[in-house]
Amino acid sequence: MLLAKAGLLDGLEATTHHGAIDLLRAVAPRTTVHADRRFVDNGRVVCSAVIAAGIDMSLHVVGRLLGREVAEKTARQMDYPWEPTV
């Protein structure tokens, strides 16, 4: 919500917790809000919907920065059943 109120999501895609989707849409009318996605990487901001989705998002960022192999190794080390979306 802070990013939305600051206008940093204007013209971008985002998501949030299912209980706050309507609030995000109200606060950020110039943002495409996805209620059906666990996380969104719009190229500028990466945001997630809930706690487990935050883990998925974090592994996505690891993959983006260090490569998919490192992200997969990290997920295995955590014993986390990560399934990359990209």
C-alpha atoms as a PDB file:
ATOM      1  CA  MET A   1       0.000   0.000   0.000  1.00  0.00           C
ATOM      2  CA  LEU A   2       2.893   2.346   0.692  1.00  0.00           C
ATOM      3  CA  LEU A   3       4.245   1.892  -2.824  1.00  0.00           C
ATOM      4  CA  ALA A   4       0.766   2.459  -4.236  1.00  0.00           C
ATOM      5  CA  LYS A   5       0.166   5.588  -2.163  1.00  0.00           C
ATOM      6  CA  ALA A   6       3.536   6.945  -3.279  1.00  0.00           C
ATOM      7  CA  GLY A   7       2.515   6.416  -6.912  1.00  0.00           C
ATOM      8  CA  LEU A   8       5.318   3.908  -7.495  1.00  0.00           C
ATOM      9  CA  LEU A   9       2.911   1.325  -8.920  1.00  0.00           C
ATOM     10  CA  ASP A  10       1.226   3.671 -11.414  1.00  0.00           C
ATOM     11  CA  GLY A  11       1.102   2.053 -14.839  1.00  0.00           C
ATOM     12  CA  LEU A  12       2.510  -1.199 -13.482  1.00  0.00           C
ATOM     13  CA  GLU A  13       1.176  -4.588 -12.398  1.00  0.00           C
ATOM     14  CA  ALA A  14       0.968  -5.664  -8.756  1.00  0.00           C
ATOM     15  CA  THR A  15      -0.643  -8.027  -6.294  1.00  0.00           C
ATOM     16  CA  THR A  16      -1.212  -8.186  -2.562  1.00  0.00           C
ATOM     17  CA  HIS A  17      -2.859 -10.304   0.119  1.00  0.00           C
ATOM     18  CA  HIS A  18      -6.272 -11.564  -0.979  1.00  0.00           C
ATOM     19  CA  GLY A  19      -7.891  -9.638   1.844  1.00  0.00           C
ATOM     20  CA  ALA A  20      -6.496  -6.342   0.541  1.00  0.00           C
ATOM     21  CA  ILE A  21      -7.062  -6.663  -3.225  1.00  0.00           C
ATOM     22  CA  ASP A  22     -10.014  -4.261  -3.248  1.00  0.00           C
ATOM     23  CA  LEU A  23      -8.102  -1.767  -1.097  1.00  0.00           C
ATOM     24  CA  LEU A  24      -5.110  -1.894  -3.445  1.00  0.00           C
ATOM     25  CA  ARG A  25      -7.398  -1.329  -6.430  1.00  0.00           C
ATOM     26  CA  ALA A  26      -8.905   1.693  -4.644  1.00  0.00           C
ATOM     27  CA  VAL A  27      -5.547   3.133  -3.581  1.00  0.00           C
ATOM     28  CA  ALA A  28      -3.869   2.463  -6.945  1.00  0.00           C
ATOM     29  CA  PRO A  29      -6.430   3.007  -9.716  1.00  0.00           C
ATOM     30  CA  ARG A  30      -3.666   3.308 -12.340  1.00  0.00           C
ATOM     31  CA  THR A  31      -2.231  -0.101 -11.397  1.00  0.00           C
ATOM     32  CA  THR A  32      -3.247  -3.431 -12.905  1.00  0.00           C
ATOM     33  CA  VAL A  33      -3.970  -5.525  -9.814  1.00  0.00           C
ATOM     34  CA  HIS A  34      -3.790  -9.309 -10.165  1.00  0.00           C
ATOM     35  CA  ALA A  35      -5.846 -11.174  -7.577  1.00  0.00           C
ATOM     36  CA  ASP A  36      -4.928 -14.550  -9.073  1.00  0.00           C
ATOM     37  CA  ARG A  37      -1.116 -14.367  -8.914  1.00  0.00           C
ATOM     38  CA  ARG A  38       1.126 -15.321  -6.012  1.00  0.00           C
ATOM     39  CA  PHE A  39       3.675 -12.676  -6.933  1.00  0.00           C
ATOM     40  CA  VAL A  40       4.220 -10.103  -9.644  1.00  0.00           C
ATOM     41  CA  ASP A  41       7.525  -8.966 -11.119  1.00  0.00           C
ATOM     42  CA  ASN A  42       6.717  -5.907 -13.212  1.00  0.00           C
ATOM     43  CA  GLY A  43      10.349  -5.148 -13.986  1.00  0.00           C
ATOM     44  CA  ARG A  44      10.594  -2.375 -11.406  1.00  0.00           C
ATOM     45  CA  VAL A  45       8.929  -3.760  -8.307  1.00  0.00           C
ATOM     46  CA  VAL A  46       8.438  -7.344  -7.154  1.00  0.00           C
ATOM     47  CA  CYS A  47       5.499  -7.871  -4.800  1.00  0.00           C
ATOM     48  CA  SER A  48       3.807 -10.933  -3.337  1.00  0.00           C
ATOM     49  CA  ALA A  49       0.367 -11.878  -2.140  1.00  0.00           C
ATOM     50  CA  VAL A  50       0.910 -13.771   1.127  1.00  0.00           C
ATOM     51  CA  ILE A  51       3.682 -15.292   3.265  1.00  0.00           C
ATOM     52  CA  ALA A  52       4.338 -18.467   1.247  1.00  0.00           C
ATOM     53  CA  ALA A  53       4.085 -16.422  -1.941  1.00  0.00           C
ATOM     54  CA  GLY A  54       6.786 -14.195  -0.463  1.00  0.00           C
ATOM     55  CA  ILE A  55       9.083 -17.220  -0.370  1.00  0.00           C
ATOM     56  CA  ASP A  56       8.245 -17.915  -4.028  1.00  0.00           C
ATOM     57  CA  MET A  57       8.912 -14.254  -4.818  1.00  0.00           C
ATOM     58  CA  SER A  58      12.237 -14.339  -2.953  1.00  0.00           C
ATOM     59  CA  LEU A  59      13.383 -17.427  -4.854  1.00  0.00           C
ATOM     60  CA  HIS A  60      12.340 -15.690  -8.079  1.00  0.00           C
ATOM     61  CA  VAL A  61      14.536 -12.712  -7.156  1.00  0.00           C
ATOM     62  CA  VAL A  62      17.442 -15.048  -6.317  1.00  0.00           C
ATOM     63  CA  GLY A  63      16.977 -16.601  -9.750  1.00  0.00           C
ATOM     64  CA  ARG A  64      16.825 -13.215 -11.412  1.00  0.00           C
ATOM     65  CA  LEU A  65      19.996 -12.020  -9.702  1.00  0.00           C
ATOM     66  CA  LEU A  66      22.074 -15.196  -9.462  1.00  0.00           C
ATOM     67  CA  GLY A  67      20.505 -17.605 -11.931  1.00  0.00           C
ATOM     68  CA  ARG A  68      17.843 -20.262 -11.834  1.00  0.00           C
ATOM     69  CA  GLU A  69      20.287 -22.974 -10.759  1.00  0.00           C
ATOM     70  CA  VAL A  70      21.151 -21.044  -7.578  1.00  0.00           C
ATOM     71  CA  ALA A  71      17.443 -20.465  -6.870  1.00  0.00           C
ATOM     72  CA  GLU A  72      16.673 -24.167  -7.318  1.00  0.00           C
ATOM     73  CA  LYS A  73      19.604 -25.127  -5.078  1.00  0.00           C
ATOM     74  CA  THR A  74      18.393 -22.655  -2.455  1.00  0.00           C
ATOM     75  CA  ALA A  75      14.873 -24.130  -2.570  1.00  0.00           C
ATOM     76  CA  ARG A  76      16.284 -27.654  -2.178  1.00  0.00           C
ATOM     77  CA  GLN A  77      18.417 -26.525   0.764  1.00  0.00           C
ATOM     78  CA  MET A  78      15.287 -25.054   2.378  1.00  0.00           C
ATOM     79  CA  ASP A  79      13.325 -28.222   1.525  1.00  0.00           C
ATOM     80  CA  TYR A  80      10.800 -25.907  -0.078  1.00  0.00           C
ATOM     81  CA  PRO A  81       8.675 -27.221  -2.988  1.00  0.00           C
ATOM     82  CA  TRP A  82       9.371 -24.310  -5.320  1.00  0.00           C
ATOM     83  CA  GLU A  83       7.945 -24.388  -8.832  1.00  0.00           C
ATOM     84  CA  PRO A  84       9.270 -21.468 -10.887  1.00  0.00           C
ATOM     85  CA  THR A  85       6.584 -19.680 -12.872  1.00  0.00           C
ATOM     86  CA  VAL A  86       8.989 -18.427 -15.527  1.00  0.00           C
END
